[in-house]
Amino acid sequence: MPLQAVFPALLERIIDSKLVVQEGKKSKTNEDPAFKKRMAFVEEQVLQDFWIQREISRLVTLEKIQQKYQERLKSMPPEDEVHARHILVATEDEAKAIIAELKKGTPFDKIAKEKSTDKASGAEGGDLGWFKKSDMVKEFADAAFDLKKGETSETPTKTQFGYHVIKIDDRRTAPPPALEELSEQIREELAREAVTAQLDKIRAGSKIEKFNMDGTKVEAAPAAPAAPAATPAKPATPAQPPK
């Protein structure tokens, strides 16, 4: 709905809101103890949010995100990828007939467009794009990664979806994820670490008293007893001089 259509009603709501605030101040509702208590609570919540966001902005810098990104890349082992196509059908006999047709020279993409029950990839000639082994169901992934570049499966592969005929267009080592792909995840991780570290620092420099629900003070847990001092080694007996 265009803004022009809702603006008159929105304007009236804003006017009503302002008038109620004015009336509340005239009647000194804002001096009511319950109102002040709620406002104090709201103020604390807003103050917490502002402090956390300020600390994150101060401590989570682009330089730190880039540094964490480089560390993340070093911990990622290289993975293989294949660029594959497939033709999906309901029965094994259909899949075997397609393999026979491919051996006669019928183009893979032509059969995929005509016969694949996977309509999304079928419309693209069976193209599934690049994927890692972990991206697909095990049976399909095992069959695909056993094929070399340019090869087509000699036997159908059965999965929960039906029977597949697979062709490998290309293979490669997967490129590492770009900084843009990981930056938000890294930023959230660094933000949690930064806020936790700041809270630990504040706690260490503060005197904190805890109370039970009944108002009694929570007694601090007794300190663990110190380990006993090590018994000093007995001095070695000097060797007797030869007689």
C-alpha atoms as a PDB file:
ATOM      1  CA  MET A   1       0.000   0.000   0.000  1.00  0.00           C
ATOM      2  CA  PRO A   2       1.489   3.384  -0.977  1.00  0.00           C
ATOM      3  CA  LEU A   3       2.516   5.775   1.803  1.00  0.00           C
ATOM      4  CA  GLN A   4       0.108   8.435   0.553  1.00  0.00           C
ATOM      5  CA  ALA A   5      -2.816   6.088   1.266  1.00  0.00           C
ATOM      6  CA  VAL A   6      -1.904   5.390   4.909  1.00  0.00           C
ATOM      7  CA  PHE A   7      -0.384   8.774   5.767  1.00  0.00           C
ATOM      8  CA  PRO A   8      -3.654  10.470   6.936  1.00  0.00           C
ATOM      9  CA  ALA A   9      -4.424   7.655   9.420  1.00  0.00           C
ATOM     10  CA  LEU A  10      -0.791   7.550  10.556  1.00  0.00           C
ATOM     11  CA  LEU A  11      -0.801  11.303  11.115  1.00  0.00           C
ATOM     12  CA  GLU A  12      -3.924  11.064  13.304  1.00  0.00           C
ATOM     13  CA  ARG A  13      -2.302   8.333  15.422  1.00  0.00           C
ATOM     14  CA  ILE A  14       0.792  10.480  15.956  1.00  0.00           C
ATOM     15  CA  ILE A  15      -1.398  13.441  16.986  1.00  0.00           C
ATOM     16  CA  ASP A  16      -3.336  11.263  19.455  1.00  0.00           C
ATOM     17  CA  SER A  17      -0.067   9.959  20.900  1.00  0.00           C
ATOM     18  CA  LYS A  18       1.317  13.465  21.429  1.00  0.00           C
ATOM     19  CA  LEU A  19      -1.937  14.628  23.049  1.00  0.00           C
ATOM     20  CA  VAL A  20      -1.962  11.671  25.469  1.00  0.00           C
ATOM     21  CA  VAL A  21       1.653  12.447  26.480  1.00  0.00           C
ATOM     22  CA  GLN A  22       0.745  16.083  27.114  1.00  0.00           C
ATOM     23  CA  GLU A  23      -2.261  15.040  29.186  1.00  0.00           C
ATOM     24  CA  GLY A  24      -0.139  12.557  31.154  1.00  0.00           C
ATOM     25  CA  LYS A  25       2.306  15.314  32.079  1.00  0.00           C
ATOM     26  CA  LYS A  26      -0.521  17.690  33.033  1.00  0.00           C
ATOM     27  CA  SER A  27      -1.994  15.082  35.352  1.00  0.00           C
ATOM     28  CA  LYS A  28       1.498  14.300  36.717  1.00  0.00           C
ATOM     29  CA  THR A  29       1.170  10.651  35.727  1.00  0.00           C
ATOM     30  CA  ASN A  30       4.901  10.757  35.052  1.00  0.00           C
ATOM     31  CA  GLU A  31       5.460  11.346  38.782  1.00  0.00           C
ATOM     32  CA  ASP A  32       3.634   8.165  39.784  1.00  0.00           C
ATOM     33  CA  PRO A  33       6.044   5.752  41.589  1.00  0.00           C
ATOM     34  CA  ALA A  34       4.949   2.831  39.398  1.00  0.00           C
ATOM     35  CA  PHE A  35       5.671   4.894  36.277  1.00  0.00           C
ATOM     36  CA  LYS A  36       9.110   5.870  37.568  1.00  0.00           C
ATOM     37  CA  LYS A  37       9.906   2.259  38.419  1.00  0.00           C
ATOM     38  CA  ARG A  38       9.019   1.113  34.918  1.00  0.00           C
ATOM     39  CA  MET A  39      10.970   3.966  33.343  1.00  0.00           C
ATOM     40  CA  ALA A  40      14.024   3.077  35.420  1.00  0.00           C
ATOM     41  CA  PHE A  41      13.788  -0.493  34.143  1.00  0.00           C
ATOM     42  CA  VAL A  42      13.445   0.677  30.528  1.00  0.00           C
ATOM     43  CA  GLU A  43      16.383   3.046  30.985  1.00  0.00           C
ATOM     44  CA  GLU A  44      18.565   0.198  32.249  1.00  0.00           C
ATOM     45  CA  GLN A  45      17.644  -1.969  29.258  1.00  0.00           C
ATOM     46  CA  VAL A  46      18.377   0.808  26.761  1.00  0.00           C
ATOM     47  CA  LEU A  47      21.636   1.650  28.541  1.00  0.00           C
ATOM     48  CA  GLN A  48      22.739  -1.993  28.368  1.00  0.00           C
ATOM     49  CA  ASP A  49      21.985  -2.150  24.646  1.00  0.00           C
ATOM     50  CA  PHE A  50      23.825   1.096  23.940  1.00  0.00           C
ATOM     51  CA  TRP A  51      26.866   0.043  25.965  1.00  0.00           C
ATOM     52  CA  ILE A  52      27.075  -3.349  24.245  1.00  0.00           C
ATOM     53  CA  GLN A  53      26.753  -1.831  20.768  1.00  0.00           C
ATOM     54  CA  ARG A  54      29.337   0.835  21.588  1.00  0.00           C
ATOM     55  CA  GLU A  55      31.833  -1.760  22.824  1.00  0.00           C
ATOM     56  CA  ILE A  56      31.250  -3.915  19.747  1.00  0.00           C
ATOM     57  CA  SER A  57      31.817  -0.930  17.447  1.00  0.00           C
ATOM     58  CA  ARG A  58      34.992  -0.047  19.333  1.00  0.00           C
ATOM     59  CA  LEU A  59      36.495  -3.527  19.606  1.00  0.00           C
ATOM     60  CA  VAL A  60      35.280  -5.390  16.512  1.00  0.00           C
ATOM     61  CA  THR A  61      37.219  -3.670  13.751  1.00  0.00           C
ATOM     62  CA  LEU A  62      37.573  -4.532  10.074  1.00  0.00           C
ATOM     63  CA  GLU A  63      41.219  -5.381  10.734  1.00  0.00           C
ATOM     64  CA  LYS A  64      40.230  -7.966  13.367  1.00  0.00           C
ATOM     65  CA  ILE A  65      37.574  -9.439  11.079  1.00  0.00           C
ATOM     66  CA  GLN A  66      40.148  -9.824   8.304  1.00  0.00           C
ATOM     67  CA  GLN A  67      42.654 -11.382  10.720  1.00  0.00           C
ATOM     68  CA  LYS A  68      40.051 -13.882  11.952  1.00  0.00           C
ATOM     69  CA  TYR A  69      39.118 -14.634   8.343  1.00  0.00           C
ATOM     70  CA  GLN A  70      42.720 -15.535   7.508  1.00  0.00           C
ATOM     71  CA  GLU A  71      42.893 -17.776  10.591  1.00  0.00           C
ATOM     72  CA  ARG A  72      39.653 -19.458   9.530  1.00  0.00           C
ATOM     73  CA  LEU A  73      41.010 -20.139   6.049  1.00  0.00           C
ATOM     74  CA  LYS A  74      44.108 -21.838   7.489  1.00  0.00           C
ATOM     75  CA  SER A  75      41.887 -24.213   9.471  1.00  0.00           C
ATOM     76  CA  MET A  76      39.833 -25.198   6.408  1.00  0.00           C
ATOM     77  CA  PRO A  77      41.263 -28.230   4.612  1.00  0.00           C
ATOM     78  CA  PRO A  78      40.978 -28.071   0.812  1.00  0.00           C
ATOM     79  CA  GLU A  79      37.936 -29.897  -0.584  1.00  0.00           C
ATOM     80  CA  ASP A  80      37.260 -31.310  -4.022  1.00  0.00           C
ATOM     81  CA  GLU A  81      34.261 -30.208  -6.044  1.00  0.00           C
ATOM     82  CA  VAL A  82      32.634 -31.598  -9.165  1.00  0.00           C
ATOM     83  CA  HIS A  83      30.508 -29.859 -11.774  1.00  0.00           C
ATOM     84  CA  ALA A  84      27.911 -32.500 -12.595  1.00  0.00           C
ATOM     85  CA  ARG A  85      24.742 -33.127 -14.555  1.00  0.00           C
ATOM     86  CA  HIS A  86      22.146 -35.783 -13.893  1.00  0.00           C
ATOM     87  CA  ILE A  87      19.016 -37.314 -15.335  1.00  0.00           C
ATOM     88  CA  LEU A  88      16.540 -38.505 -12.703  1.00  0.00           C
ATOM     89  CA  VAL A  89      13.883 -41.132 -13.481  1.00  0.00           C
ATOM     90  CA  ALA A  90      11.569 -43.341 -11.451  1.00  0.00           C
ATOM     91  CA  THR A  91      12.783 -46.822 -12.393  1.00  0.00           C
ATOM     92  CA  GLU A  92      16.052 -48.645 -12.954  1.00  0.00           C
ATOM     93  CA  ASP A  93      14.900 -49.845 -16.382  1.00  0.00           C
ATOM     94  CA  GLU A  94      14.311 -46.250 -17.489  1.00  0.00           C
ATOM     95  CA  ALA A  95      17.782 -45.274 -16.299  1.00  0.00           C
ATOM     96  CA  LYS A  96      19.395 -48.221 -18.121  1.00  0.00           C
ATOM     97  CA  ALA A  97      17.551 -47.285 -21.319  1.00  0.00           C
ATOM     98  CA  ILE A  98      18.876 -43.717 -21.015  1.00  0.00           C
ATOM     99  CA  ILE A  99      22.458 -44.979 -20.566  1.00  0.00           C
ATOM    100  CA  ALA A 100      22.043 -47.055 -23.728  1.00  0.00           C
ATOM    101  CA  GLU A 101      20.686 -44.027 -25.573  1.00  0.00           C
ATOM    102  CA  LEU A 102      23.657 -41.922 -24.452  1.00  0.00           C
ATOM    103  CA  LYS A 103      26.060 -44.570 -25.745  1.00  0.00           C
ATOM    104  CA  LYS A 104      24.407 -44.216 -29.165  1.00  0.00           C
ATOM    105  CA  GLY A 105      25.365 -40.537 -29.156  1.00  0.00           C
ATOM    106  CA  THR A 106      22.211 -38.745 -28.019  1.00  0.00           C
ATOM    107  CA  PRO A 107      23.263 -35.529 -26.212  1.00  0.00           C
ATOM    108  CA  PHE A 108      22.984 -35.691 -22.419  1.00  0.00           C
ATOM    109  CA  ASP A 109      21.302 -32.292 -22.132  1.00  0.00           C
ATOM    110  CA  LYS A 110      18.655 -33.261 -24.712  1.00  0.00           C
ATOM    111  CA  ILE A 111      17.610 -36.367 -22.769  1.00  0.00           C
ATOM    112  CA  ALA A 112      17.675 -34.442 -19.477  1.00  0.00           C
ATOM    113  CA  LYS A 113      15.291 -31.816 -20.835  1.00  0.00           C
ATOM    114  CA  GLU A 114      12.926 -34.444 -22.213  1.00  0.00           C
ATOM    115  CA  LYS A 115      12.939 -37.182 -19.574  1.00  0.00           C
ATOM    116  CA  SER A 116      14.367 -36.030 -16.221  1.00  0.00           C
ATOM    117  CA  THR A 117      11.802 -35.852 -13.429  1.00  0.00           C
ATOM    118  CA  ASP A 118      13.993 -33.205 -11.768  1.00  0.00           C
ATOM    119  CA  LYS A 119      12.386 -30.384 -13.708  1.00  0.00           C
ATOM    120  CA  ALA A 120      14.589 -27.621 -12.285  1.00  0.00           C
ATOM    121  CA  SER A 121      17.888 -29.152 -13.394  1.00  0.00           C
ATOM    122  CA  GLY A 122      16.283 -30.837 -16.387  1.00  0.00           C
ATOM    123  CA  ALA A 123      15.424 -27.472 -17.891  1.00  0.00           C
ATOM    124  CA  GLU A 124      19.161 -26.681 -17.727  1.00  0.00           C
ATOM    125  CA  GLY A 125      20.217 -29.909 -19.394  1.00  0.00           C
ATOM    126  CA  GLY A 126      20.575 -31.672 -16.040  1.00  0.00           C
ATOM    127  CA  ASP A 127      23.109 -29.122 -14.770  1.00  0.00           C
ATOM    128  CA  LEU A 128      23.623 -29.234 -10.988  1.00  0.00           C
ATOM    129  CA  GLY A 129      26.513 -26.770 -10.917  1.00  0.00           C
ATOM    130  CA  TRP A 130      29.500 -27.170  -8.609  1.00  0.00           C
ATOM    131  CA  PHE A 131      29.118 -29.084  -5.343  1.00  0.00           C
ATOM    132  CA  LYS A 132      31.170 -30.765  -2.628  1.00  0.00           C
ATOM    133  CA  LYS A 133      30.718 -34.375  -1.588  1.00  0.00           C
ATOM    134  CA  SER A 134      29.028 -33.304   1.633  1.00  0.00           C
ATOM    135  CA  ASP A 135      26.419 -31.310  -0.298  1.00  0.00           C
ATOM    136  CA  MET A 136      24.642 -34.368  -1.724  1.00  0.00           C
ATOM    137  CA  VAL A 137      23.091 -37.574  -0.363  1.00  0.00           C
ATOM    138  CA  LYS A 138      25.759 -40.244   0.142  1.00  0.00           C
ATOM    139  CA  GLU A 139      24.783 -42.592  -2.690  1.00  0.00           C
ATOM    140  CA  PHE A 140      24.740 -39.808  -5.266  1.00  0.00           C
ATOM    141  CA  ALA A 141      27.926 -38.177  -3.941  1.00  0.00           C
ATOM    142  CA  ASP A 142      29.875 -41.455  -3.909  1.00  0.00           C
ATOM    143  CA  ALA A 143      28.902 -42.209  -7.507  1.00  0.00           C
ATOM    144  CA  ALA A 144      29.621 -38.681  -8.743  1.00  0.00           C
ATOM    145  CA  PHE A 145      33.035 -38.399  -7.104  1.00  0.00           C
ATOM    146  CA  ASP A 146      34.074 -41.815  -8.456  1.00  0.00           C
ATOM    147  CA  LEU A 147      33.759 -40.478 -12.008  1.00  0.00           C
ATOM    148  CA  LYS A 148      36.475 -38.614 -13.865  1.00  0.00           C
ATOM    149  CA  LYS A 149      36.038 -35.425 -15.852  1.00  0.00           C
ATOM    150  CA  GLY A 150      33.964 -36.135 -18.963  1.00  0.00           C
ATOM    151  CA  GLU A 151      32.730 -39.542 -17.765  1.00  0.00           C
ATOM    152  CA  THR A 152      29.095 -40.667 -17.561  1.00  0.00           C
ATOM    153  CA  SER A 153      27.940 -43.355 -15.143  1.00  0.00           C
ATOM    154  CA  GLU A 154      27.740 -46.850 -16.638  1.00  0.00           C
ATOM    155  CA  THR A 155      25.104 -48.008 -14.164  1.00  0.00           C
ATOM    156  CA  PRO A 156      22.176 -46.174 -12.543  1.00  0.00           C
ATOM    157  CA  THR A 157      22.612 -44.742  -9.055  1.00  0.00           C
ATOM    158  CA  LYS A 158      19.686 -45.302  -6.693  1.00  0.00           C
ATOM    159  CA  THR A 159      18.784 -42.716  -4.027  1.00  0.00           C
ATOM    160  CA  GLN A 160      15.657 -41.810  -2.102  1.00  0.00           C
ATOM    161  CA  PHE A 161      14.654 -39.643  -5.072  1.00  0.00           C
ATOM    162  CA  GLY A 162      14.827 -42.328  -7.761  1.00  0.00           C
ATOM    163  CA  TYR A 163      17.461 -43.486 -10.246  1.00  0.00           C
ATOM    164  CA  HIS A 164      20.173 -41.148 -11.521  1.00  0.00           C
ATOM    165  CA  VAL A 165      22.375 -41.120 -14.586  1.00  0.00           C
ATOM    166  CA  ILE A 166      25.338 -38.857 -13.798  1.00  0.00           C
ATOM    167  CA  LYS A 167      27.814 -37.010 -15.979  1.00  0.00           C
ATOM    168  CA  ILE A 168      30.865 -35.089 -14.713  1.00  0.00           C
ATOM    169  CA  ASP A 169      31.631 -31.919 -16.657  1.00  0.00           C
ATOM    170  CA  ASP A 170      34.608 -30.843 -14.550  1.00  0.00           C
ATOM    171  CA  ARG A 171      36.507 -31.265 -11.273  1.00  0.00           C
ATOM    172  CA  ARG A 172      38.476 -28.834  -9.133  1.00  0.00           C
ATOM    173  CA  THR A 173      39.652 -27.951  -5.661  1.00  0.00           C
ATOM    174  CA  ALA A 174      36.930 -25.804  -4.137  1.00  0.00           C
ATOM    175  CA  PRO A 175      37.879 -22.124  -3.866  1.00  0.00           C
ATOM    176  CA  PRO A 176      37.917 -20.791  -0.285  1.00  0.00           C
ATOM    177  CA  PRO A 177      34.855 -18.818   0.826  1.00  0.00           C
ATOM    178  CA  ALA A 178      35.148 -15.089   0.237  1.00  0.00           C
ATOM    179  CA  LEU A 179      35.435 -12.668   3.150  1.00  0.00           C
ATOM    180  CA  GLU A 180      31.954 -11.370   2.327  1.00  0.00           C
ATOM    181  CA  GLU A 181      30.510 -14.851   2.911  1.00  0.00           C
ATOM    182  CA  LEU A 182      32.007 -15.195   6.396  1.00  0.00           C
ATOM    183  CA  SER A 183      32.240 -11.599   7.609  1.00  0.00           C
ATOM    184  CA  GLU A 184      28.875 -11.497   9.418  1.00  0.00           C
ATOM    185  CA  GLN A 185      29.486 -14.837  11.141  1.00  0.00           C
ATOM    186  CA  ILE A 186      32.992 -13.735  12.163  1.00  0.00           C
ATOM    187  CA  ARG A 187      31.703 -10.366  13.363  1.00  0.00           C
ATOM    188  CA  GLU A 188      29.109 -12.043  15.613  1.00  0.00           C
ATOM    189  CA  GLU A 189      31.765 -14.383  17.001  1.00  0.00           C
ATOM    190  CA  LEU A 190      34.167 -11.514  17.731  1.00  0.00           C
ATOM    191  CA  ALA A 191      31.331  -9.479  19.259  1.00  0.00           C
ATOM    192  CA  ARG A 192      30.490 -12.272  21.720  1.00  0.00           C
ATOM    193  CA  GLU A 193      34.147 -12.658  22.643  1.00  0.00           C
ATOM    194  CA  ALA A 194      34.611  -8.902  23.085  1.00  0.00           C
ATOM    195  CA  VAL A 195      31.539  -8.417  25.282  1.00  0.00           C
ATOM    196  CA  THR A 196      32.394 -11.478  27.398  1.00  0.00           C
ATOM    197  CA  ALA A 197      35.956 -10.227  27.911  1.00  0.00           C
ATOM    198  CA  GLN A 198      34.726  -6.763  28.911  1.00  0.00           C
ATOM    199  CA  LEU A 199      32.198  -8.204  31.366  1.00  0.00           C
ATOM    200  CA  ASP A 200      34.878 -10.434  32.905  1.00  0.00           C
ATOM    201  CA  LYS A 201      37.106  -7.376  33.300  1.00  0.00           C
ATOM    202  CA  ILE A 202      34.304  -5.373  34.948  1.00  0.00           C
ATOM    203  CA  ARG A 203      33.446  -8.248  37.299  1.00  0.00           C
ATOM    204  CA  ALA A 204      37.091  -8.638  38.308  1.00  0.00           C
ATOM    205  CA  GLY A 205      37.218  -4.989  39.368  1.00  0.00           C
ATOM    206  CA  SER A 206      33.860  -4.942  41.176  1.00  0.00           C
ATOM    207  CA  LYS A 207      32.611  -6.025  44.564  1.00  0.00           C
ATOM    208  CA  ILE A 208      29.579  -8.241  43.954  1.00  0.00           C
ATOM    209  CA  GLU A 209      27.152  -9.384  46.635  1.00  0.00           C
ATOM    210  CA  LYS A 210      24.506 -12.007  45.847  1.00  0.00           C
ATOM    211  CA  PHE A 211      21.220 -12.556  47.677  1.00  0.00           C
ATOM    212  CA  ASN A 212      18.798 -15.478  47.772  1.00  0.00           C
ATOM    213  CA  MET A 213      15.121 -15.110  46.869  1.00  0.00           C
ATOM    214  CA  ASP A 214      14.269 -14.713  50.572  1.00  0.00           C
ATOM    215  CA  GLY A 215      16.691 -11.803  50.888  1.00  0.00           C
ATOM    216  CA  THR A 216      19.411 -13.657  52.740  1.00  0.00           C
ATOM    217  CA  LYS A 217      22.941 -13.178  51.550  1.00  0.00           C
ATOM    218  CA  VAL A 218      24.517 -15.896  49.442  1.00  0.00           C
ATOM    219  CA  GLU A 219      27.599 -17.063  51.266  1.00  0.00           C
ATOM    220  CA  ALA A 220      30.720 -17.349  49.180  1.00  0.00           C
ATOM    221  CA  ALA A 221      31.937 -20.881  48.591  1.00  0.00           C
ATOM    222  CA  PRO A 222      34.874 -21.724  50.858  1.00  0.00           C
ATOM    223  CA  ALA A 223      38.229 -21.510  49.188  1.00  0.00           C
ATOM    224  CA  ALA A 224      39.856 -24.790  48.304  1.00  0.00           C
ATOM    225  CA  PRO A 225      42.524 -25.791  50.841  1.00  0.00           C
ATOM    226  CA  ALA A 226      46.038 -24.983  49.815  1.00  0.00           C
ATOM    227  CA  ALA A 227      48.148 -27.863  48.663  1.00  0.00           C
ATOM    228  CA  PRO A 228      50.651 -29.014  51.343  1.00  0.00           C
ATOM    229  CA  ALA A 229      54.149 -27.732  50.930  1.00  0.00           C
ATOM    230  CA  ALA A 230      56.513 -30.138  49.309  1.00  0.00           C
ATOM    231  CA  THR A 231      58.770 -32.006  51.750  1.00  0.00           C
ATOM    232  CA  PRO A 232      62.328 -30.784  51.257  1.00  0.00           C
ATOM    233  CA  ALA A 233      64.634 -33.388  49.854  1.00  0.00           C
ATOM    234  CA  LYS A 234      66.896 -35.077  52.385  1.00  0.00           C
ATOM    235  CA  PRO A 235      70.486 -33.940  51.934  1.00  0.00           C
ATOM    236  CA  ALA A 236      72.653 -36.568  50.381  1.00  0.00           C
ATOM    237  CA  THR A 237      75.041 -38.311  52.785  1.00  0.00           C
ATOM    238  CA  PRO A 238      78.578 -37.350  51.865  1.00  0.00           C
ATOM    239  CA  ALA A 239      80.682 -40.212  50.676  1.00  0.00           C
ATOM    240  CA  GLN A 240      83.121 -41.618  53.247  1.00  0.00           C
ATOM    241  CA  PRO A 241      86.758 -41.032  52.376  1.00  0.00           C
ATOM    242  CA  PRO A 242      88.601 -44.221  51.530  1.00  0.00           C
ATOM    243  CA  LYS A 243      90.586 -45.725  54.392  1.00  0.00           C
END
